[in-house]
Amino acid sequence: VPEGIKVDISHLAGLALVEQSGSSLQAGSFIKSFPEENLPNSIQERLEVLFSARERWSVEEVTPYIQPLTTPKLNVNALLTKYARPVTVQGVKYFCAKHGK
């Protein structure tokens, strides 16, 4: 990384899945390429791929993958409400597949 450039894990949003063990990158954490542009253009197919890659997503984590499919009438929250199921874990809201396998 060039000198003077600040690196932040949030720069990988929509490009990679970051699996952390805890609140920061440490042993057991990994980064896997997962570019938004390679996902299907259908919201249902896209969510199927997303929920296959990871069982549950926070709104912050999934937004870069859903944002390109939003419309003036359907924002990220509206699409998630329509096509996914909310789950709260330790006070944090996540979304998972609407219908279990």
Protein backbone atom coordinates (compact mmCIF):
# COMPACT_ATOMS: atom_id res chain seq x y z
CA VAL A 1 0.00 0.00 0.00
CA PRO A 2 1.47 3.37 -0.95
CA GLU A 3 2.64 5.62 1.85
CA GLY A 4 -0.07 7.99 3.09
CA ILE A 5 -2.95 5.75 2.00
CA LYS A 6 -5.18 4.69 4.87
CA VAL A 7 -6.44 1.13 4.59
CA ASP A 8 -9.85 0.24 5.99
CA ILE A 9 -11.72 -3.04 5.77
CA SER A 10 -14.85 -1.13 4.67
CA HIS A 11 -13.11 -0.48 1.34
CA LEU A 12 -13.86 -4.11 0.46
CA ALA A 13 -17.67 -3.65 0.66
CA GLY A 14 -19.23 -5.20 -2.43
CA LEU A 15 -15.92 -6.76 -3.45
CA ALA A 16 -15.18 -9.36 -0.81
CA LEU A 17 -16.64 -11.27 2.12
CA VAL A 18 -14.80 -10.57 5.34
CA GLU A 19 -15.20 -13.28 7.95
CA GLN A 20 -13.88 -12.03 11.28
CA SER A 21 -13.39 -13.85 14.54
CA GLY A 22 -14.46 -11.04 16.82
CA SER A 23 -14.47 -7.31 16.26
CA SER A 24 -11.22 -7.12 14.30
CA LEU A 25 -9.17 -9.14 11.84
CA GLN A 26 -7.13 -11.69 13.71
CA ALA A 27 -6.13 -15.35 13.51
CA GLY A 28 -9.02 -17.33 12.06
CA SER A 29 -10.30 -14.38 10.01
CA PHE A 30 -10.25 -14.44 6.22
CA ILE A 31 -11.16 -12.37 3.18
CA LYS A 32 -12.73 -14.02 0.13
CA SER A 33 -13.31 -12.39 -3.24
CA PHE A 34 -17.07 -11.90 -3.75
CA PRO A 35 -17.65 -9.10 -6.32
CA GLU A 36 -21.17 -7.69 -6.62
CA GLU A 37 -20.85 -7.49 -10.39
CA ASN A 38 -20.70 -11.30 -10.63
CA LEU A 39 -24.08 -11.80 -8.93
CA PRO A 40 -27.38 -12.40 -10.77
CA ASN A 41 -29.51 -9.39 -11.72
CA SER A 42 -32.71 -10.90 -10.31
CA ILE A 43 -33.25 -9.96 -6.66
CA GLN A 44 -34.51 -13.45 -5.77
CA GLU A 45 -31.55 -15.18 -7.45
CA ARG A 46 -29.11 -12.68 -5.96
CA LEU A 47 -30.44 -13.23 -2.43
CA GLU A 48 -30.25 -16.99 -2.96
CA VAL A 49 -26.55 -16.66 -3.84
CA LEU A 50 -25.94 -14.28 -0.93
CA PHE A 51 -27.64 -16.55 1.61
CA SER A 52 -25.75 -19.55 0.22
CA ALA A 53 -22.49 -17.69 0.82
CA ARG A 54 -23.46 -16.54 4.32
CA GLU A 55 -26.47 -17.60 6.41
CA ARG A 56 -27.26 -14.10 7.70
CA TRP A 57 -26.27 -10.55 6.80
CA SER A 58 -26.52 -7.23 8.58
CA VAL A 59 -28.02 -4.38 6.54
CA GLU A 60 -24.58 -2.75 6.43
CA GLU A 61 -22.95 -5.92 5.07
CA VAL A 62 -25.57 -6.68 2.42
CA THR A 63 -26.26 -3.13 1.17
CA PRO A 64 -23.42 -3.04 -1.39
CA TYR A 65 -24.83 -6.23 -2.93
CA ILE A 66 -28.49 -5.07 -2.99
CA GLN A 67 -28.08 -1.33 -3.73
CA PRO A 68 -27.66 -1.80 -7.51
CA LEU A 69 -31.11 -3.43 -7.70
CA THR A 70 -32.98 -0.67 -5.86
CA THR A 71 -35.50 1.61 -7.54
CA PRO A 72 -36.97 4.97 -6.52
CA LYS A 73 -39.83 3.05 -4.85
CA LEU A 74 -37.86 0.09 -3.42
CA ASN A 75 -34.77 0.87 -1.35
CA VAL A 76 -32.49 -1.73 0.27
CA ASN A 77 -34.67 -2.04 3.40
CA ALA A 78 -37.83 -2.48 1.33
CA LEU A 79 -36.23 -5.21 -0.80
CA LEU A 80 -34.93 -7.03 2.27
CA THR A 81 -38.31 -6.76 4.00
CA LYS A 82 -40.01 -8.19 0.92
CA TYR A 83 -37.57 -10.99 0.06
CA ALA A 84 -35.76 -11.89 3.32
CA ARG A 85 -36.56 -12.57 6.97
CA PRO A 86 -35.28 -10.33 9.78
CA VAL A 87 -33.64 -11.94 12.79
CA THR A 88 -32.26 -10.17 15.86
CA VAL A 89 -29.20 -11.69 17.52
CA GLN A 90 -27.82 -10.04 20.67
CA GLY A 91 -29.56 -6.79 19.76
CA VAL A 92 -28.25 -6.73 16.17
CA LYS A 93 -30.70 -7.02 13.27
CA TYR A 94 -29.74 -9.45 10.51
CA PHE A 95 -31.52 -10.78 7.44
CA CYS A 96 -31.61 -14.41 6.38
CA ALA A 97 -33.39 -16.48 3.72
CA LYS A 98 -37.14 -16.07 3.91
CA HIS A 99 -37.77 -19.76 3.33
CA GLY A 100 -35.51 -22.38 4.89
CA LYS A 101 -34.08 -25.18 2.81
